[in-house]
Amino acid sequence: MKAEEEPASAPAVAPLPKLLSALFYGACSFLIVLVNKSVLTTYRFPSPLFLGIGQMMTTILILYTSKLNKIINFPNFDKSIPKKLFPLPLIYVGNHISGLSSTSKLSLPMFTVLRKFTIPLTLLLEVIILGKRYSLSVILSVFAIIFGAFIAAGSDLAFSLGGYASVLLNDIFTAANGVYTKQKIDPKELGKYGVIFYNACFMVIPTILVSFFTGDLQQVTDFKQWTNVLFICQFLLSCILGFLLMYSTVLCSHYNSALTTTVVGAIKNVSIAYIGMLVGGDYIFSMLNFIGLNICMAGGLRYSFLTIRGQDSPKHLTDEENVISSAKS
């Protein structure tokens, strides 16, 4: 019991940066879902892949220009960087593409509900990859969110197998992205800007080639809304928000745990679900679905309460376990 009350071995982080980074991530994540939904659904933009390319190019341009003007700094490229980053670039592009694809295939409420499955996946990967441990209270709050998601998803009257598969695949990539990002920025060899910049650089060219050979670029070229000023503004806004989302994700994961970053996104998603009930016209009401959404929110609020009390800090090995580990080695 005493082992659970011991603080994590990592240095304590001031509450204000933790809170501000979480709020910044939540705001960026909230806005980009709404903007992407408008671009891909309202305007029927045919290529989530090309939208991802736009976000990657914007990221590269902003960070490289900032480096040239000495606003930020990250290491110049050398042959060791791909090894330092792997497998983040592959996870990064998978997260981008699956996330954009899933946004256009489901109603906002069901999209946000299914995204809750990112939370237990993140918790599991943190335990396996980072060797972290969480209290029983945190685990129970996580599974309350998932329980609510099961109820809501089970009563979805607008079921889409392809949409469900896309979102669940996106959940896997998102969880892996958060955990591996936390792992890569800890040594501070590349720094948060280097991780974001080189991720985008390594994957933008292969993504463009895939878009070209699959005929995706041709569909984009033939799209008739390129003369629509409102569409262009929303497309550019999505590109900028794509950069801000990547930056805020890394920032939040740096100051908090990857699990906290994921739960912030989940709480944000529930608020989007409530908005989707009132606007958008693609939500089909059912009592079980509504109950499930509220259970998700209750679990998220419970986790937030535990975060404020500091119980979300992952626990590391106890002194007794360290002795056992040392004896084995």
Protein backbone atom coordinates (compact mmCIF):
# COMPACT_ATOMS: atom_id res chain seq x y z
CA MET A 1 0.00 0.00 0.00
CA LYS A 2 2.84 2.39 0.81
CA ALA A 3 4.37 1.80 -2.61
CA GLU A 4 1.30 3.39 -4.23
CA GLU A 5 1.75 6.56 -2.17
CA GLU A 6 5.36 7.09 -3.24
CA PRO A 7 5.91 9.77 -5.89
CA ALA A 8 7.25 8.87 -9.30
CA SER A 9 10.99 8.95 -9.68
CA ALA A 10 10.80 11.51 -12.48
CA PRO A 11 11.29 15.17 -11.52
CA ALA A 12 8.10 16.96 -10.54
CA VAL A 13 6.59 19.29 -13.12
CA ALA A 14 4.99 22.58 -12.06
CA PRO A 15 1.17 22.43 -12.20
CA LEU A 16 0.77 25.46 -14.51
CA PRO A 17 2.72 24.08 -17.52
CA LYS A 18 0.89 20.75 -17.12
CA LEU A 19 -2.50 22.47 -17.10
CA LEU A 20 -1.77 24.93 -19.91
CA SER A 21 -0.28 22.26 -22.18
CA ALA A 22 -3.35 20.05 -21.61
CA LEU A 23 -5.75 22.94 -22.34
CA PHE A 24 -3.77 23.89 -25.46
CA TYR A 25 -3.91 20.31 -26.74
CA GLY A 26 -7.62 20.03 -25.96
CA ALA A 27 -8.41 23.26 -27.82
CA CYS A 28 -6.38 22.27 -30.91
CA SER A 29 -7.87 18.78 -30.97
CA PHE A 30 -11.39 20.18 -30.61
CA LEU A 31 -11.00 22.67 -33.44
CA ILE A 32 -9.34 20.36 -35.95
CA VAL A 33 -12.11 17.74 -35.69
CA LEU A 34 -14.73 20.38 -36.48
CA VAL A 35 -12.74 21.88 -39.36
CA ASN A 36 -11.84 18.48 -40.87
CA LYS A 37 -15.47 17.40 -40.58
CA SER A 38 -16.52 20.48 -42.53
CA VAL A 39 -13.84 20.06 -45.23
CA LEU A 40 -14.41 16.33 -45.75
CA THR A 41 -18.17 16.11 -45.23
CA THR A 42 -19.78 19.49 -45.87
CA TYR A 43 -17.61 20.31 -48.90
CA ARG A 44 -17.11 16.62 -49.80
CA PHE A 45 -13.36 17.02 -50.33
CA PRO A 46 -12.37 13.69 -51.92
CA SER A 47 -8.94 13.13 -50.37
CA PRO A 48 -8.18 12.81 -46.65
CA LEU A 49 -4.69 11.77 -47.78
CA PHE A 50 -4.06 15.09 -49.54
CA LEU A 51 -5.33 16.98 -46.52
CA GLY A 52 -2.72 15.12 -44.48
CA ILE A 53 -0.06 16.13 -47.01
CA GLY A 54 -1.11 19.75 -46.62
CA GLN A 55 -0.73 19.48 -42.85
CA MET A 56 2.72 17.89 -43.16
CA MET A 57 3.93 20.52 -45.64
CA THR A 58 2.66 23.29 -43.37
CA THR A 59 4.50 21.75 -40.42
CA ILE A 60 7.77 21.53 -42.37
CA LEU A 61 7.46 25.10 -43.64
CA ILE A 62 6.66 26.63 -40.24
CA LEU A 63 9.39 24.77 -38.33
CA TYR A 64 12.11 25.22 -40.97
CA THR A 65 11.37 28.95 -41.33
CA SER A 66 11.42 29.31 -37.54
CA LYS A 67 14.79 27.50 -37.39
CA LEU A 68 16.28 29.74 -40.10
CA ASN A 69 15.14 32.81 -38.16
CA LYS A 70 16.58 31.32 -34.93
CA ILE A 71 13.18 31.35 -33.23
CA ILE A 72 13.54 27.66 -32.43
CA ASN A 73 16.36 25.15 -32.67
CA PHE A 74 16.67 21.46 -33.46
CA PRO A 75 19.56 19.31 -34.75
CA ASN A 76 20.58 19.33 -38.40
CA PHE A 77 19.99 16.11 -40.29
CA ASP A 78 22.50 13.28 -39.96
CA LYS A 79 22.35 9.54 -40.64
CA SER A 80 21.57 8.71 -37.01
CA ILE A 81 18.24 10.56 -36.98
CA PRO A 82 16.12 7.90 -38.74
CA LYS A 83 17.28 5.31 -36.21
CA LYS A 84 16.51 7.66 -33.32
CA LEU A 85 12.99 8.30 -34.58
CA PHE A 86 11.93 4.82 -35.73
CA PRO A 87 9.10 3.73 -35.66
CA LEU A 88 7.53 7.17 -35.11
CA PRO A 89 7.40 8.23 -38.81
CA LEU A 90 5.39 5.14 -39.78
CA ILE A 91 3.06 5.56 -36.80
CA TYR A 92 2.74 9.27 -37.56
CA VAL A 93 1.52 8.85 -41.14
CA GLY A 94 -0.76 5.96 -40.15
CA ASN A 95 -2.30 8.13 -37.45
CA HIS A 96 -2.77 11.00 -39.90
CA ILE A 97 -4.38 9.00 -42.68
CA SER A 98 -6.60 6.78 -40.55
CA GLY A 99 -7.75 9.78 -38.50
CA LEU A 100 -8.71 11.84 -41.52
CA SER A 101 -10.42 8.88 -43.21
CA SER A 102 -12.47 7.96 -40.15
CA THR A 103 -13.67 11.55 -39.68
CA SER A 104 -15.57 11.44 -42.97
CA LYS A 105 -17.21 8.03 -42.43
CA LEU A 106 -19.11 8.46 -39.15
CA SER A 107 -21.33 10.95 -37.39
CA LEU A 108 -19.47 13.20 -34.96
CA PRO A 109 -20.98 11.59 -31.84
CA MET A 110 -20.08 8.04 -32.86
CA PHE A 111 -16.64 9.10 -34.08
CA THR A 112 -15.87 10.62 -30.69
CA VAL A 113 -17.25 7.63 -28.77
CA LEU A 114 -15.13 5.10 -30.65
CA ARG A 115 -12.06 7.28 -30.15
CA LYS A 116 -12.33 6.44 -26.42
CA PHE A 117 -10.68 3.10 -27.12
CA THR A 118 -7.41 4.99 -27.51
CA ILE A 119 -7.31 5.33 -23.71
CA PRO A 120 -6.92 1.67 -22.65
CA LEU A 121 -4.57 1.11 -25.59
CA THR A 122 -2.38 3.98 -24.36
CA LEU A 123 -2.45 2.65 -20.81
CA LEU A 124 -1.48 -0.83 -22.02
CA LEU A 125 1.37 0.47 -24.20
CA GLU A 126 2.72 2.66 -21.39
CA VAL A 127 2.84 -0.39 -19.15
CA ILE A 128 4.51 -2.56 -21.82
CA ILE A 129 6.85 -0.06 -23.50
CA LEU A 130 7.58 2.51 -20.77
CA GLY A 131 7.22 0.18 -17.76
CA LYS A 132 4.77 2.47 -15.99
CA ARG A 133 2.07 1.59 -13.48
CA TYR A 134 -1.18 3.32 -12.57
CA SER A 135 -3.37 3.20 -9.48
CA LEU A 136 -6.56 1.14 -9.37
CA SER A 137 -8.63 4.36 -9.27
CA VAL A 138 -7.14 5.54 -12.56
CA ILE A 139 -7.68 2.15 -14.21
CA LEU A 140 -11.33 2.03 -13.05
CA SER A 141 -11.99 5.52 -14.41
CA VAL A 142 -10.49 4.47 -17.74
CA PHE A 143 -12.71 1.42 -17.97
CA ALA A 144 -15.77 3.52 -17.05
CA ILE A 145 -15.07 5.53 -20.20
CA ILE A 146 -14.78 2.34 -22.23
CA PHE A 147 -17.94 0.88 -20.70
CA GLY A 148 -19.86 3.96 -21.76
CA ALA A 149 -18.37 3.71 -25.24
CA PHE A 150 -19.54 0.10 -25.56
CA ILE A 151 -23.08 1.08 -24.60
CA ALA A 152 -23.15 4.01 -27.01
CA ALA A 153 -21.55 2.11 -29.90
CA GLY A 154 -23.81 -0.90 -29.38
CA SER A 155 -26.88 1.23 -29.94
CA ASP A 156 -25.55 3.19 -32.90
CA LEU A 157 -28.37 3.38 -35.40
CA ALA A 158 -26.02 4.56 -38.15
CA PHE A 159 -23.65 1.56 -38.04
CA SER A 160 -20.79 1.60 -40.55
CA LEU A 161 -18.34 -1.31 -40.53
CA GLY A 162 -15.79 0.61 -42.58
CA GLY A 163 -16.12 3.66 -40.34
CA TYR A 164 -15.74 1.59 -37.17
CA ALA A 165 -12.67 -0.19 -38.56
CA SER A 166 -11.05 3.13 -39.56
CA VAL A 167 -11.58 4.68 -36.13
CA LEU A 168 -10.30 1.64 -34.23
CA LEU A 169 -7.21 1.55 -36.46
CA ASN A 170 -6.75 5.26 -35.73
CA ASP A 171 -7.02 4.46 -32.00
CA ILE A 172 -4.10 2.03 -32.26
CA PHE A 173 -1.94 4.52 -34.15
CA THR A 174 -2.83 7.36 -31.77
CA ALA A 175 -1.94 5.32 -28.68
CA ALA A 176 1.35 4.19 -30.20
CA ASN A 177 2.14 7.74 -31.34
CA GLY A 178 1.64 9.17 -27.85
CA VAL A 179 3.70 6.51 -26.08
CA TYR A 180 6.59 6.47 -28.55
CA THR A 181 6.65 10.28 -28.68
CA LYS A 182 7.01 10.33 -24.91
CA GLN A 183 9.84 7.81 -25.22
CA LYS A 184 11.67 9.73 -27.96
CA ILE A 185 11.55 13.21 -26.41
CA ASP A 186 12.73 12.07 -22.97
CA PRO A 187 16.46 11.88 -23.94
CA LYS A 188 16.10 15.32 -25.62
CA GLU A 189 18.42 14.29 -28.41
CA LEU A 190 16.14 15.80 -31.05
CA GLY A 191 13.88 17.89 -28.84
CA LYS A 192 10.17 18.32 -29.43
CA TYR A 193 10.69 20.43 -32.57
CA GLY A 194 13.11 17.94 -34.08
CA VAL A 195 10.72 15.04 -33.48
CA ILE A 196 7.85 16.88 -35.18
CA PHE A 197 9.96 18.21 -38.07
CA TYR A 198 11.71 14.99 -39.04
CA ASN A 199 8.53 12.96 -38.67
CA ALA A 200 6.87 15.17 -41.26
CA CYS A 201 9.96 15.23 -43.53
CA PHE A 202 10.34 11.45 -43.63
CA MET A 203 6.72 10.76 -44.51
CA VAL A 204 5.60 13.61 -46.77
CA ILE A 205 7.34 12.32 -49.95
CA PRO A 206 6.13 8.68 -49.61
CA THR A 207 2.62 9.99 -48.91
CA ILE A 208 2.71 12.18 -52.03
CA LEU A 209 3.84 9.17 -54.10
CA VAL A 210 1.01 7.03 -52.72
CA SER A 211 -1.46 9.81 -53.49
CA PHE A 212 -0.13 10.09 -57.05
CA PHE A 213 -0.12 6.38 -57.93
CA THR A 214 -3.56 5.72 -56.44
CA GLY A 215 -5.17 8.50 -58.49
CA ASP A 216 -5.82 10.53 -55.36
CA LEU A 217 -4.07 13.63 -56.72
CA GLN A 218 -6.20 13.52 -59.84
CA GLN A 219 -9.37 13.64 -57.74
CA VAL A 220 -7.96 16.63 -55.88
CA THR A 221 -7.11 18.38 -59.17
CA ASP A 222 -10.65 17.85 -60.45
CA PHE A 223 -12.28 19.08 -57.24
CA LYS A 224 -14.64 21.93 -58.09
CA GLN A 225 -14.50 23.85 -54.81
CA TRP A 226 -10.99 25.26 -55.32
CA THR A 227 -12.62 28.52 -56.44
CA ASN A 228 -14.67 28.68 -53.22
CA VAL A 229 -12.97 31.16 -50.87
CA LEU A 230 -14.68 29.70 -47.78
CA PHE A 231 -13.46 26.22 -48.63
CA ILE A 232 -9.90 27.40 -49.25
CA CYS A 233 -9.88 29.23 -45.91
CA GLN A 234 -11.06 26.10 -44.10
CA PHE A 235 -8.53 23.92 -45.96
CA LEU A 236 -5.68 26.25 -44.95
CA LEU A 237 -7.03 26.42 -41.40
CA SER A 238 -6.99 22.61 -41.27
CA CYS A 239 -3.33 22.62 -42.39
CA ILE A 240 -2.36 25.12 -39.68
CA LEU A 241 -4.35 23.24 -37.05
CA GLY A 242 -2.62 20.03 -38.15
CA PHE A 243 0.72 21.58 -37.18
CA LEU A 244 -0.67 22.97 -33.93
CA LEU A 245 -2.17 19.61 -33.03
CA MET A 246 1.16 17.84 -33.55
CA TYR A 247 2.96 20.47 -31.49
CA SER A 248 0.39 20.49 -28.70
CA THR A 249 0.39 16.67 -28.54
CA VAL A 250 4.15 16.59 -28.05
CA LEU A 251 3.98 19.45 -25.54
CA CYS A 252 1.21 17.81 -23.50
CA SER A 253 2.97 14.43 -23.54
CA HIS A 254 6.18 16.14 -22.40
CA TYR A 255 4.63 17.84 -19.37
CA ASN A 256 2.12 15.07 -18.59
CA SER A 257 1.87 11.34 -19.22
CA ALA A 258 0.78 10.00 -22.62
CA LEU A 259 -2.33 8.64 -20.88
CA THR A 260 -3.29 12.10 -19.61
CA THR A 261 -2.91 13.49 -23.13
CA THR A 262 -5.25 10.77 -24.41
CA VAL A 263 -7.86 11.38 -21.70
CA VAL A 264 -7.83 15.14 -22.42
CA GLY A 265 -8.69 14.25 -26.00
CA ALA A 266 -11.46 11.94 -24.81
CA ILE A 267 -13.08 14.62 -22.65
CA LYS A 268 -12.88 17.02 -25.57
CA ASN A 269 -14.51 14.44 -27.82
CA VAL A 270 -17.51 14.07 -25.53
CA SER A 271 -18.13 17.80 -25.74
CA ILE A 272 -18.02 17.47 -29.54
CA ALA A 273 -20.53 14.62 -29.29
CA TYR A 274 -22.96 16.87 -27.43
CA ILE A 275 -22.53 19.55 -30.09
CA GLY A 276 -23.13 16.92 -32.78
CA MET A 277 -26.53 16.22 -31.23
CA LEU A 278 -27.57 19.81 -31.81
CA VAL A 279 -25.87 20.66 -35.11
CA GLY A 280 -24.73 18.73 -38.15
CA GLY A 281 -27.92 16.74 -38.70
CA ASP A 282 -26.20 13.34 -38.77
CA TYR A 283 -26.90 12.19 -35.21
CA ILE A 284 -29.70 9.63 -34.72
CA PHE A 285 -30.89 9.76 -31.12
CA SER A 286 -31.36 6.67 -28.98
CA MET A 287 -31.60 6.45 -25.20
CA LEU A 288 -28.80 3.87 -24.83
CA ASN A 289 -26.49 5.94 -26.99
CA PHE A 290 -27.19 9.01 -24.87
CA ILE A 291 -26.65 7.09 -21.62
CA GLY A 292 -23.37 5.70 -22.94
CA LEU A 293 -22.10 9.18 -23.81
CA ASN A 294 -22.85 10.38 -20.28
CA ILE A 295 -21.05 7.40 -18.72
CA CYS A 296 -18.02 8.30 -20.86
CA MET A 297 -18.15 11.86 -19.59
CA ALA A 298 -18.44 10.69 -15.96
CA GLY A 299 -15.37 8.47 -16.36
CA GLY A 300 -13.46 11.34 -17.96
CA LEU A 301 -14.38 13.75 -15.18
CA ARG A 302 -13.33 11.15 -12.61
CA TYR A 303 -9.95 10.81 -14.27
CA SER A 304 -9.63 14.62 -14.32
CA PHE A 305 -10.31 14.70 -10.58
CA LEU A 306 -7.62 12.09 -10.00
CA THR A 307 -5.25 14.12 -12.19
CA ILE A 308 -5.78 17.21 -10.07
CA ARG A 309 -5.01 15.15 -6.97
CA GLY A 310 -1.86 13.86 -8.65
CA GLN A 311 -2.97 10.21 -8.82
CA ASP A 312 -2.45 10.00 -12.58
CA SER A 313 1.33 10.07 -12.13
CA PRO A 314 2.59 6.66 -13.28
CA LYS A 315 4.25 4.61 -10.58
CA HIS A 316 7.64 3.01 -11.09
CA LEU A 317 9.23 0.01 -9.43
CA THR A 318 9.20 -0.09 -5.64
CA ASP A 319 12.43 -0.43 -3.62
CA GLU A 320 11.72 -4.14 -3.08
CA GLU A 321 11.16 -4.68 -6.81
CA ASN A 322 14.38 -2.80 -7.61
CA VAL A 323 16.31 -5.16 -5.29
CA ILE A 324 14.78 -8.16 -7.03
CA SER A 325 15.55 -6.67 -10.46
CA SER A 326 19.16 -5.98 -9.46
CA ALA A 327 19.56 -9.52 -8.13
CA LYS A 328 18.31 -10.96 -11.42
CA SER A 329 20.75 -8.87 -13.43
